[in-house]
C-alpha atoms as a PDB file:
ATOM      1  CA  MET A   1     111.398  56.622 113.362  1.00  0.00           C
ATOM      2  CA  GLU A   2     108.775  59.147 114.415  1.00  0.00           C
ATOM      3  CA  GLU A   3     106.959  58.354 117.657  1.00  0.00           C
ATOM      4  CA  GLU A   4     104.124  60.855 117.367  1.00  0.00           C
ATOM      5  CA  ARG A   5     102.563  62.724 114.460  1.00  0.00           C
ATOM      6  CA  ARG A   6     100.630  65.963 114.586  1.00  0.00           C
ATOM      7  CA  LEU A   7      99.384  67.390 111.329  1.00  0.00           C
ATOM      8  CA  GLY A   8     102.272  65.756 109.477  1.00  0.00           C
ATOM      9  CA  GLU A   9     104.919  67.016 111.887  1.00  0.00           C
ATOM     10  CA  SER A  10     107.110  64.926 114.197  1.00  0.00           C
ATOM     11  CA  VAL A  11     106.767  65.548 117.911  1.00  0.00           C
ATOM     12  CA  GLU A  12     109.268  63.720 120.082  1.00  0.00           C
ATOM     13  CA  ASP A  13     109.962  63.605 123.813  1.00  0.00           C
ATOM     14  CA  GLU A  14     106.904  65.689 124.685  1.00  0.00           C
ATOM     15  CA  GLU A  15     105.154  64.768 127.920  1.00  0.00           C
ATOM     16  CA  LEU A  16     101.487  65.671 128.127  1.00  0.00           C
ATOM     17  CA  PRO A  17      99.635  65.562 131.458  1.00  0.00           C
ATOM     18  CA  LEU A  18      96.232  63.907 131.798  1.00  0.00           C
ATOM     19  CA  ALA A  19      93.242  66.218 132.124  1.00  0.00           C
ATOM     20  CA  SER A  20      92.026  64.301 135.197  1.00  0.00           C
ATOM     21  CA  THR A  21      93.034  61.207 137.107  1.00  0.00           C
ATOM     22  CA  ARG A  22      90.120  61.565 139.502  1.00  0.00           C
ATOM     23  CA  HIS A  23      87.523  60.586 136.863  1.00  0.00           C
ATOM     24  CA  ILE A  24      88.658  57.989 134.338  1.00  0.00           C
ATOM     25  CA  TRP A  25      86.155  55.951 132.381  1.00  0.00           C
ATOM     26  CA  PHE A  26      86.478  53.302 129.715  1.00  0.00           C
ATOM     27  CA  GLU A  27      84.303  52.169 126.854  1.00  0.00           C
ATOM     28  CA  TYR A  28      85.061  49.165 124.686  1.00  0.00           C
ATOM     29  CA  ASP A  29      83.688  48.669 121.164  1.00  0.00           C
ATOM     30  CA  ASN A  30      83.809  44.892 120.730  1.00  0.00           C
ATOM     31  CA  GLN A  31      82.730  44.927 117.081  1.00  0.00           C
ATOM     32  CA  ASN A  32      85.612  47.197 116.007  1.00  0.00           C
ATOM     33  CA  ASP A  33      88.078  46.225 118.774  1.00  0.00           C
ATOM     34  CA  ILE A  34      88.550  49.807 119.975  1.00  0.00           C
ATOM     35  CA  LEU A  35      89.092  50.915 123.577  1.00  0.00           C
ATOM     36  CA  TYR A  36      88.150  54.481 124.493  1.00  0.00           C
ATOM     37  CA  ILE A  37      89.715  55.941 127.644  1.00  0.00           C
ATOM     38  CA  ASN A  38      88.370  59.275 128.870  1.00  0.00           C
ATOM     39  CA  PHE A  39      89.885  61.509 131.542  1.00  0.00           C
ATOM     40  CA  GLY A  40      87.301  63.743 133.203  1.00  0.00           C
ATOM     41  CA  THR A  41      83.586  63.650 133.855  1.00  0.00           C
ATOM     42  CA  ASP A  42      82.419  64.575 130.331  1.00  0.00           C
ATOM     43  CA  LEU A  43      83.547  64.125 126.766  1.00  0.00           C
ATOM     44  CA  GLU A  44      85.454  67.274 125.973  1.00  0.00           C
ATOM     45  CA  ASP A  45      86.056  68.844 122.604  1.00  0.00           C
ATOM     46  CA  ALA A  46      89.715  68.570 121.718  1.00  0.00           C
ATOM     47  CA  ASP A  47      91.776  71.300 120.142  1.00  0.00           C
ATOM     48  CA  ASP A  48      94.430  68.828 118.936  1.00  0.00           C
ATOM     49  CA  GLU A  49      94.756  65.126 118.094  1.00  0.00           C
ATOM     50  CA  ARG A  50      97.915  63.078 117.790  1.00  0.00           C
ATOM     51  CA  LEU A  51      98.309  59.689 116.157  1.00  0.00           C
ATOM     52  CA  LEU A  52     101.044  57.628 117.773  1.00  0.00           C
ATOM     53  CA  GLU A  53     102.858  55.030 115.711  1.00  0.00           C
ATOM     54  CA  ASN A  54     101.200  52.215 117.708  1.00  0.00           C
ATOM     55  CA  ASP A  55      97.711  53.236 116.454  1.00  0.00           C
ATOM     56  CA  ILE A  56      96.712  55.115 119.579  1.00  0.00           C
ATOM     57  CA  VAL A  57      95.094  58.520 119.191  1.00  0.00           C
ATOM     58  CA  LEU A  58      95.511  61.157 121.895  1.00  0.00           C
ATOM     59  CA  ARG A  59      92.889  63.908 122.080  1.00  0.00           C
ATOM     60  CA  ILE A  60      94.283  67.051 123.670  1.00  0.00           C
ATOM     61  CA  LYS A  61      92.704  70.206 125.051  1.00  0.00           C
ATOM     62  CA  ASN A  62      94.713  73.067 126.534  1.00  0.00           C
ATOM     63  CA  GLY A  63      97.867  70.926 126.547  1.00  0.00           C
ATOM     64  CA  ARG A  64      96.264  68.070 128.530  1.00  0.00           C
ATOM     65  CA  VAL A  65      95.166  64.627 127.309  1.00  0.00           C
ATOM     66  CA  VAL A  66      91.366  64.403 127.580  1.00  0.00           C
ATOM     67  CA  SER A  67      91.018  60.972 125.946  1.00  0.00           C
ATOM     68  CA  MET A  68      92.808  58.116 124.225  1.00  0.00           C
ATOM     69  CA  THR A  69      91.541  55.811 121.506  1.00  0.00           C
ATOM     70  CA  VAL A  70      93.286  52.425 121.281  1.00  0.00           C
ATOM     71  CA  PHE A  71      92.743  50.647 117.969  1.00  0.00           C
ATOM     72  CA  ASP A  72      93.187  46.836 117.764  1.00  0.00           C
ATOM     73  CA  PHE A  73      93.034  46.680 121.546  1.00  0.00           C
ATOM     74  CA  SER A  74      92.765  42.872 121.920  1.00  0.00           C
ATOM     75  CA  LYS A  75      95.782  42.391 119.648  1.00  0.00           C
ATOM     76  CA  LYS A  76      97.798  44.813 121.750  1.00  0.00           C
ATOM     77  CA  ILE A  77      97.055  42.903 124.951  1.00  0.00           C
ATOM     78  CA  GLN A  78      97.158  39.562 123.066  1.00  0.00           C
ATOM     79  CA  ARG A  79      93.836  38.336 124.441  1.00  0.00           C
ATOM     80  CA  ASP A  80      90.356  37.568 123.255  1.00  0.00           C
ATOM     81  CA  ILE A  81      87.795  40.061 124.561  1.00  0.00           C
ATOM     82  CA  LEU A  82      84.331  38.682 125.219  1.00  0.00           C
END
């Protein structure tokens, strides 16, 4: 089964570094149960996006992950979020 999808194409066993581990910030959308994780000080425009099979979207710029979007976050951690 495909682990990652990029524009309809399978991408397997590819490791992508994070844009920054010095500045990581989170934002949670309680109404839609979505967790946004951003790496860096600002929101950066991505030149690529990848949808993983577990409903996580990676936003990539210059071969580095600049943000992740985690859909159905509370279900993934099996907890109620206040």
